[in-house]
Amino acid sequence: MSIDVTDVHLNEYDAGVSGGRLVYQERNLAYTDPAEPEREVTTIPVEDITRVDAGTDLSLTGFRGLALFYLLFAVVATYRAVLFLADGAELTVVSGGTYVIAIFCWYGVANFATQEVGAVRILTVETVETEYTFLTDGQTERFGQIASQLGGGQTWETW
């Protein structure tokens, strides 16, 4: 039996970079990284594995909600700033503060909207010598299949 998972990152997740390939075979677990083709394939013999954990990291979620929250204030502040400009209001603390708030709220919208990644699945495989952490945001059911084949549970812990 062979289980193949693509777009997997080893030890740290980078949303802007495509990941490698994790392949479970009956005797080993192999990881190849396309970003470093000169590097050898990381191979973990199944008999060397001492512990397997599978989980979900939710720390990269919720940014879309924050972007919508800032969007609400950005629209209100921009509307108010346009009214000040249309009325020819002098630059005062109130009008100037409204302009600054509008600019910072739009910055917050852009900043938080680009940080949303979603849930990241984690597969931790420990050997006597090393701990490997594999991360992916796609093909999550295959991580569960690999964990069950390696002796780990299929229940997902959430961090």
Protein backbone atom coordinates (compact mmCIF):
# COMPACT_ATOMS: atom_id res chain seq x y z
CA MET A 1 0.00 0.00 0.00
CA SER A 2 1.29 3.44 -0.91
CA ILE A 3 -0.11 6.80 0.21
CA ASP A 4 1.10 9.89 -1.64
CA VAL A 5 0.55 13.45 -0.32
CA THR A 6 1.64 16.54 -2.27
CA ASP A 7 2.21 20.13 -1.15
CA VAL A 8 3.72 19.07 2.18
CA HIS A 9 6.13 21.28 4.11
CA LEU A 10 8.77 19.93 6.48
CA ASN A 11 9.14 21.60 9.92
CA GLU A 12 7.67 24.99 8.98
CA TYR A 13 4.76 26.07 6.83
CA ASP A 14 5.10 28.78 4.17
CA ALA A 15 1.81 29.65 2.46
CA GLY A 16 3.51 31.28 -0.52
CA VAL A 17 5.78 28.37 -1.40
CA SER A 18 4.74 25.05 -2.89
CA GLY A 19 5.63 22.12 -0.69
CA GLY A 20 7.20 18.77 -1.29
CA ARG A 21 5.89 15.26 -1.57
CA LEU A 22 5.38 12.79 1.27
CA VAL A 23 5.07 9.12 0.31
CA TYR A 24 4.21 6.32 2.73
CA GLN A 25 5.21 2.84 1.67
CA GLU A 26 5.07 -0.30 3.76
CA ARG A 27 8.69 -0.05 4.88
CA ASN A 28 9.40 3.69 4.95
CA LEU A 29 8.13 7.24 4.84
CA ALA A 30 9.89 9.40 2.23
CA TYR A 31 9.84 13.19 1.79
CA THR A 32 11.17 15.06 -1.23
CA ASP A 33 11.48 18.83 -1.40
CA PRO A 34 11.23 20.39 -4.87
CA ALA A 35 12.86 23.60 -3.63
CA GLU A 36 16.08 21.71 -2.87
CA PRO A 37 16.53 19.14 -5.68
CA GLU A 38 20.24 18.66 -4.90
CA ARG A 39 19.35 17.42 -1.43
CA GLU A 40 18.68 13.76 -0.90
CA VAL A 41 15.23 12.39 -0.12
CA THR A 42 14.46 12.30 3.61
CA THR A 43 13.61 8.66 4.34
CA ILE A 44 12.29 7.42 7.67
CA PRO A 45 12.20 3.64 8.10
CA VAL A 46 8.90 2.54 9.65
CA GLU A 47 10.64 0.37 12.27
CA ASP A 48 12.55 3.46 13.57
CA ILE A 49 9.35 5.43 14.31
CA THR A 50 8.62 5.71 18.04
CA ARG A 51 5.64 8.09 18.08
CA VAL A 52 3.11 9.52 15.61
CA ASP A 53 0.78 12.48 16.26
CA ALA A 54 -1.72 14.08 13.93
CA GLY A 55 -3.37 17.43 14.56
CA THR A 56 -4.74 20.67 13.21
CA ASP A 57 -3.22 24.11 13.66
CA LEU A 58 -5.88 26.82 13.64
CA SER A 59 -3.51 29.71 14.40
CA LEU A 60 -3.60 30.78 10.73
CA THR A 61 -7.39 31.11 10.64
CA GLY A 62 -9.70 33.97 11.61
CA PHE A 63 -7.89 36.71 9.74
CA ARG A 64 -10.75 37.03 7.26
CA GLY A 65 -13.05 37.94 10.16
CA LEU A 66 -10.62 40.59 11.35
CA ALA A 67 -10.43 41.99 7.81
CA LEU A 68 -14.23 42.26 7.70
CA PHE A 69 -14.22 43.98 11.09
CA TYR A 70 -11.71 46.55 9.85
CA LEU A 71 -13.67 46.89 6.62
CA LEU A 72 -16.72 48.04 8.56
CA PHE A 73 -14.76 50.83 10.23
CA ALA A 74 -12.91 51.66 6.99
CA VAL A 75 -16.18 52.21 5.11
CA VAL A 76 -17.65 54.37 7.90
CA ALA A 77 -14.47 56.44 8.28
CA THR A 78 -14.12 56.86 4.51
CA TYR A 79 -17.76 57.94 4.22
CA ARG A 80 -17.24 60.51 6.98
CA ALA A 81 -13.98 61.72 5.41
CA VAL A 82 -15.71 62.19 2.04
CA LEU A 83 -18.42 64.24 3.76
CA PHE A 84 -15.77 66.44 5.38
CA LEU A 85 -14.06 66.95 2.01
CA ALA A 86 -17.37 67.65 0.22
CA ASP A 87 -18.33 70.25 2.83
CA GLY A 88 -14.93 71.92 2.53
CA ALA A 89 -14.18 71.41 6.22
CA GLU A 90 -10.98 72.88 7.58
CA LEU A 91 -8.28 70.55 8.74
CA THR A 92 -8.98 70.06 12.43
CA VAL A 93 -8.31 67.31 14.92
CA VAL A 94 -11.64 65.68 14.09
CA SER A 95 -11.40 65.86 10.29
CA GLY A 96 -7.69 65.00 10.24
CA GLY A 97 -8.25 62.15 12.67
CA THR A 98 -11.01 60.81 10.43
CA TYR A 99 -8.66 60.80 7.43
CA VAL A 100 -5.95 59.02 9.41
CA ILE A 101 -8.41 56.45 10.80
CA ALA A 102 -9.72 55.74 7.29
CA ILE A 103 -6.19 55.17 5.97
CA PHE A 104 -5.20 52.89 8.85
CA CYS A 105 -8.42 50.90 8.62
CA TRP A 106 -7.89 50.26 4.90
CA TYR A 107 -4.34 49.19 5.72
CA GLY A 108 -5.75 46.80 8.34
CA VAL A 109 -8.19 45.35 5.79
CA ALA A 110 -5.40 44.69 3.29
CA ASN A 111 -3.06 43.32 5.94
CA PHE A 112 -5.47 40.87 7.56
CA ALA A 113 -7.07 39.74 4.29
CA THR A 114 -3.70 38.53 2.99
CA GLN A 115 -2.85 36.61 6.18
CA GLU A 116 -5.76 34.15 5.98
CA VAL A 117 -4.41 30.67 5.25
CA GLY A 118 -6.91 28.34 6.86
CA ALA A 119 -6.44 25.22 8.92
CA VAL A 120 -3.09 23.49 8.57
CA ARG A 121 -2.88 19.75 9.22
CA ILE A 122 0.16 18.53 11.10
CA LEU A 123 1.74 15.07 11.15
CA THR A 124 4.53 14.65 13.71
CA VAL A 125 6.73 11.59 13.37
CA GLU A 126 9.36 10.92 16.03
CA THR A 127 12.28 8.56 15.83
CA VAL A 128 14.90 7.94 18.50
CA GLU A 129 17.16 10.58 16.94
CA THR A 130 14.91 13.14 15.25
CA GLU A 131 11.42 14.65 15.21
CA TYR A 132 9.87 15.41 11.83
CA THR A 133 6.89 17.74 11.49
CA PHE A 134 5.01 17.60 8.21
CA LEU A 135 2.45 20.33 7.45
CA THR A 136 -0.16 20.72 4.71
CA ASP A 137 -3.35 22.62 4.02
CA GLY A 138 -4.63 20.17 1.42
CA GLN A 139 -5.27 16.41 1.14
CA THR A 140 -5.83 16.21 4.88
CA GLU A 141 -7.53 12.81 4.81
CA ARG A 142 -4.29 11.28 3.56
CA PHE A 143 -2.41 12.53 6.64
CA GLY A 144 -4.94 10.62 8.73
CA GLN A 145 -4.38 7.51 6.61
CA ILE A 146 -0.62 7.75 7.08
CA ALA A 147 -1.01 8.28 10.83
CA SER A 148 -3.23 5.21 11.13
CA GLN A 149 -0.79 3.09 9.11
CA LEU A 150 2.09 4.22 11.34
CA GLY A 151 0.20 3.42 14.53
CA GLY A 152 -1.03 6.90 15.41
CA GLY A 153 -4.67 7.75 16.01
CA GLN A 154 -6.85 9.39 13.38
CA THR A 155 -8.36 11.85 15.82
CA TRP A 156 -7.19 15.37 15.16
CA GLU A 157 -5.95 17.51 18.01
CA THR A 158 -6.47 21.22 17.53
CA TRP A 159 -3.94 23.85 18.59
